[in-house]
N, C-alpha and C. Protein backbone atom coordinates (compact mmCIF):
# COMPACT_ATOMS: atom_id res chain seq x y z
N MET A 1 164.96 238.36 324.40
CA MET A 1 163.64 237.83 324.66
C MET A 1 163.19 236.91 323.53
N LEU A 2 163.61 237.14 322.31
CA LEU A 2 163.23 236.29 321.19
C LEU A 2 164.24 235.18 321.03
N GLU A 3 163.81 233.95 321.14
CA GLU A 3 164.69 232.80 321.06
C GLU A 3 164.26 231.93 319.90
N GLN A 4 165.19 231.63 318.99
CA GLN A 4 164.88 230.79 317.84
C GLN A 4 165.33 229.37 318.13
N SER A 5 164.48 228.39 317.87
CA SER A 5 164.77 227.00 318.14
C SER A 5 164.38 226.15 316.97
N ALA A 6 165.03 225.02 316.82
CA ALA A 6 164.63 224.07 315.78
C ALA A 6 163.34 223.40 316.19
N VAL A 7 162.42 223.26 315.25
CA VAL A 7 161.12 222.67 315.55
C VAL A 7 161.29 221.25 316.08
N ASN A 8 162.17 220.48 315.46
CA ASN A 8 162.33 219.09 315.88
C ASN A 8 162.78 218.99 317.33
N ARG A 9 163.55 219.91 317.79
CA ARG A 9 164.05 219.88 319.16
C ARG A 9 162.98 220.30 320.16
N GLU A 10 162.07 221.14 319.75
CA GLU A 10 161.09 221.71 320.65
C GLU A 10 159.67 221.19 320.42
N ARG A 11 159.51 220.19 319.58
CA ARG A 11 158.18 219.74 319.19
C ARG A 11 157.41 219.17 320.38
N ARG A 12 156.18 219.55 320.47
CA ARG A 12 155.28 219.03 321.50
C ARG A 12 154.05 218.47 320.82
N ARG A 13 153.34 217.64 321.51
CA ARG A 13 152.12 217.07 320.95
C ARG A 13 151.05 218.15 320.82
N GLY A 14 150.34 218.18 319.72
CA GLY A 14 149.27 219.14 319.48
C GLY A 14 148.25 218.55 318.55
N GLU A 15 147.31 219.37 318.15
CA GLU A 15 146.25 218.89 317.28
C GLU A 15 146.73 218.63 315.86
N ALA A 16 147.78 219.29 315.43
CA ALA A 16 148.22 219.20 314.04
C ALA A 16 149.28 218.12 313.85
N GLY A 17 149.01 216.91 314.27
CA GLY A 17 149.93 215.81 314.05
C GLY A 17 151.26 216.00 314.74
N GLY A 18 151.26 216.55 315.92
CA GLY A 18 152.49 216.75 316.67
C GLY A 18 153.08 218.12 316.50
N ALA A 19 152.59 218.92 315.56
CA ALA A 19 153.11 220.28 315.36
C ALA A 19 152.54 221.20 316.42
N MET A 20 153.34 222.17 316.81
CA MET A 20 152.89 223.15 317.79
C MET A 20 152.03 224.19 317.10
N ALA A 21 151.08 224.75 317.82
CA ALA A 21 150.24 225.81 317.28
C ALA A 21 150.89 227.17 317.58
N CYS A 22 150.84 228.06 316.63
CA CYS A 22 151.39 229.40 316.77
C CYS A 22 150.51 230.21 317.73
N ALA A 23 151.14 230.93 318.64
CA ALA A 23 150.40 231.78 319.59
C ALA A 23 149.76 232.97 318.89
N GLY A 24 150.28 233.36 317.73
CA GLY A 24 149.73 234.51 317.01
C GLY A 24 148.55 234.18 316.14
N CYS A 25 148.69 233.15 315.32
CA CYS A 25 147.63 232.82 314.35
C CYS A 25 146.91 231.51 314.67
N GLU A 26 147.42 230.76 315.61
CA GLU A 26 146.86 229.48 316.05
C GLU A 26 146.94 228.37 314.99
N LYS A 27 147.68 228.61 313.92
CA LYS A 27 147.88 227.57 312.90
C LYS A 27 149.11 226.74 313.29
N PRO A 28 149.21 225.51 312.80
CA PRO A 28 150.36 224.68 313.14
C PRO A 28 151.66 225.26 312.61
N ILE A 29 152.72 225.11 313.37
CA ILE A 29 154.05 225.57 312.95
C ILE A 29 154.74 224.38 312.30
N LEU A 30 154.84 224.41 310.99
CA LEU A 30 155.47 223.34 310.23
C LEU A 30 156.82 223.77 309.67
N ASP A 31 157.22 225.02 309.95
CA ASP A 31 158.48 225.56 309.47
C ASP A 31 159.65 224.87 310.16
N LYS A 32 160.82 225.01 309.58
CA LYS A 32 162.03 224.43 310.18
C LYS A 32 162.36 225.14 311.49
N PHE A 33 162.10 226.44 311.57
CA PHE A 33 162.41 227.21 312.77
C PHE A 33 161.15 227.88 313.31
N LEU A 34 161.16 228.12 314.61
CA LEU A 34 160.07 228.84 315.25
C LEU A 34 160.68 229.79 316.26
N LEU A 35 159.89 230.70 316.76
CA LEU A 35 160.34 231.63 317.79
C LEU A 35 159.61 231.34 319.09
N HIS A 36 160.34 231.40 320.19
CA HIS A 36 159.73 231.28 321.51
C HIS A 36 159.71 232.66 322.14
N VAL A 37 158.52 233.17 322.36
CA VAL A 37 158.33 234.48 322.98
C VAL A 37 157.30 234.31 324.08
N LEU A 38 157.61 234.77 325.28
CA LEU A 38 156.71 234.64 326.43
C LEU A 38 156.32 233.19 326.67
N GLU A 39 157.29 232.30 326.48
CA GLU A 39 157.10 230.86 326.70
C GLU A 39 156.04 230.24 325.80
N ARG A 40 155.80 230.86 324.65
CA ARG A 40 154.88 230.34 323.64
C ARG A 40 155.58 230.30 322.30
N ALA A 41 155.16 229.41 321.43
CA ALA A 41 155.77 229.26 320.11
C ALA A 41 155.05 230.15 319.09
N TRP A 42 155.83 230.72 318.19
CA TRP A 42 155.30 231.64 317.17
C TRP A 42 155.96 231.36 315.82
N HIS A 43 155.22 231.55 314.72
CA HIS A 43 155.85 231.68 313.40
C HIS A 43 156.64 232.99 313.44
N ALA A 44 157.76 233.05 312.77
CA ALA A 44 158.54 234.29 312.75
C ALA A 44 157.71 235.45 312.19
N ALA A 45 156.89 235.18 311.19
CA ALA A 45 156.08 236.24 310.58
C ALA A 45 154.94 236.73 311.49
N CYS A 46 154.60 235.97 312.50
CA CYS A 46 153.49 236.35 313.39
C CYS A 46 153.94 237.19 314.59
N VAL A 47 155.24 237.32 314.77
CA VAL A 47 155.76 238.13 315.88
C VAL A 47 155.73 239.58 315.43
N ARG A 48 154.61 240.24 315.70
CA ARG A 48 154.36 241.62 315.28
C ARG A 48 153.74 242.40 316.41
N CYS A 49 153.89 243.72 316.35
CA CYS A 49 153.28 244.60 317.34
C CYS A 49 151.75 244.51 317.22
N ALA A 50 151.08 244.39 318.36
CA ALA A 50 149.62 244.27 318.36
C ALA A 50 148.93 245.55 317.88
N ASP A 51 149.60 246.70 317.99
CA ASP A 51 148.98 247.97 317.56
C ASP A 51 149.34 248.33 316.12
N CYS A 52 150.62 248.49 315.83
CA CYS A 52 151.03 248.98 314.50
C CYS A 52 151.36 247.85 313.51
N ARG A 53 151.40 246.61 313.98
CA ARG A 53 151.67 245.43 313.17
C ARG A 53 153.09 245.37 312.60
N ALA A 54 154.01 246.18 313.14
CA ALA A 54 155.41 246.15 312.71
C ALA A 54 156.05 244.83 313.15
N PRO A 55 156.90 244.23 312.31
CA PRO A 55 157.59 243.01 312.72
C PRO A 55 158.53 243.30 313.90
N LEU A 56 158.59 242.36 314.82
CA LEU A 56 159.45 242.50 315.99
C LEU A 56 160.60 241.50 315.86
N ALA A 57 161.80 242.01 315.62
CA ALA A 57 162.93 241.12 315.35
C ALA A 57 163.87 240.97 316.54
N ASP A 58 164.23 242.05 317.18
CA ASP A 58 165.23 241.97 318.25
C ASP A 58 164.63 242.08 319.64
N LYS A 59 163.75 243.03 319.83
CA LYS A 59 163.15 243.25 321.15
C LYS A 59 161.65 243.41 321.00
N CYS A 60 160.95 243.00 322.04
CA CYS A 60 159.52 243.26 322.09
C CYS A 60 159.12 243.45 323.54
N TYR A 61 157.96 244.03 323.73
CA TYR A 61 157.43 244.30 325.05
C TYR A 61 156.06 243.65 325.12
N SER A 62 155.64 243.26 326.31
CA SER A 62 154.35 242.58 326.40
C SER A 62 153.49 243.16 327.52
N ARG A 63 152.20 243.09 327.26
CA ARG A 63 151.19 243.49 328.23
C ARG A 63 149.93 242.69 327.89
N ASP A 64 149.34 242.05 328.88
CA ASP A 64 148.12 241.26 328.67
C ASP A 64 148.30 240.20 327.58
N ASN A 65 149.45 239.54 327.55
CA ASN A 65 149.78 238.50 326.57
C ASN A 65 149.78 238.99 325.13
N LYS A 66 149.94 240.28 324.92
CA LYS A 66 150.08 240.85 323.58
C LYS A 66 151.49 241.41 323.44
N LEU A 67 152.02 241.37 322.22
CA LEU A 67 153.35 241.89 321.94
C LEU A 67 153.27 243.29 321.38
N PHE A 68 154.23 244.14 321.75
CA PHE A 68 154.26 245.52 321.30
C PHE A 68 155.68 245.94 320.95
N CYS A 69 155.80 246.88 320.03
CA CYS A 69 157.07 247.55 319.80
C CYS A 69 157.27 248.56 320.93
N ARG A 70 158.45 249.09 321.05
CA ARG A 70 158.76 250.04 322.13
C ARG A 70 157.83 251.25 322.11
N ASN A 71 157.63 251.84 320.94
CA ASN A 71 156.81 253.05 320.84
C ASN A 71 155.37 252.81 321.31
N ASP A 72 154.77 251.72 320.86
CA ASP A 72 153.38 251.46 321.23
C ASP A 72 153.24 250.99 322.69
N PHE A 73 154.23 250.32 323.21
CA PHE A 73 154.16 249.87 324.60
C PHE A 73 154.16 251.06 325.56
N PHE A 74 154.99 252.06 325.28
CA PHE A 74 155.12 253.20 326.20
C PHE A 74 154.14 254.33 325.87
N ARG A 75 153.30 254.15 324.90
CA ARG A 75 152.33 255.17 324.54
C ARG A 75 151.17 255.18 325.49
């Protein structure tokens, strides 16, 4: 579910001079790499569980456009 892409390859027009806005923090993604989760772009550091704030590296679960770790999703 987590897909890493080069920013230059996936760049879209946005408010920050062509940089994409992060779905987690809404700041421009100026890093060399970004993550695509739920068809939205994220800073790698912003891909965290909405409840416990644990980083999500390999798998994540979603509900209501929020990301969760396995434990919090099934709780």
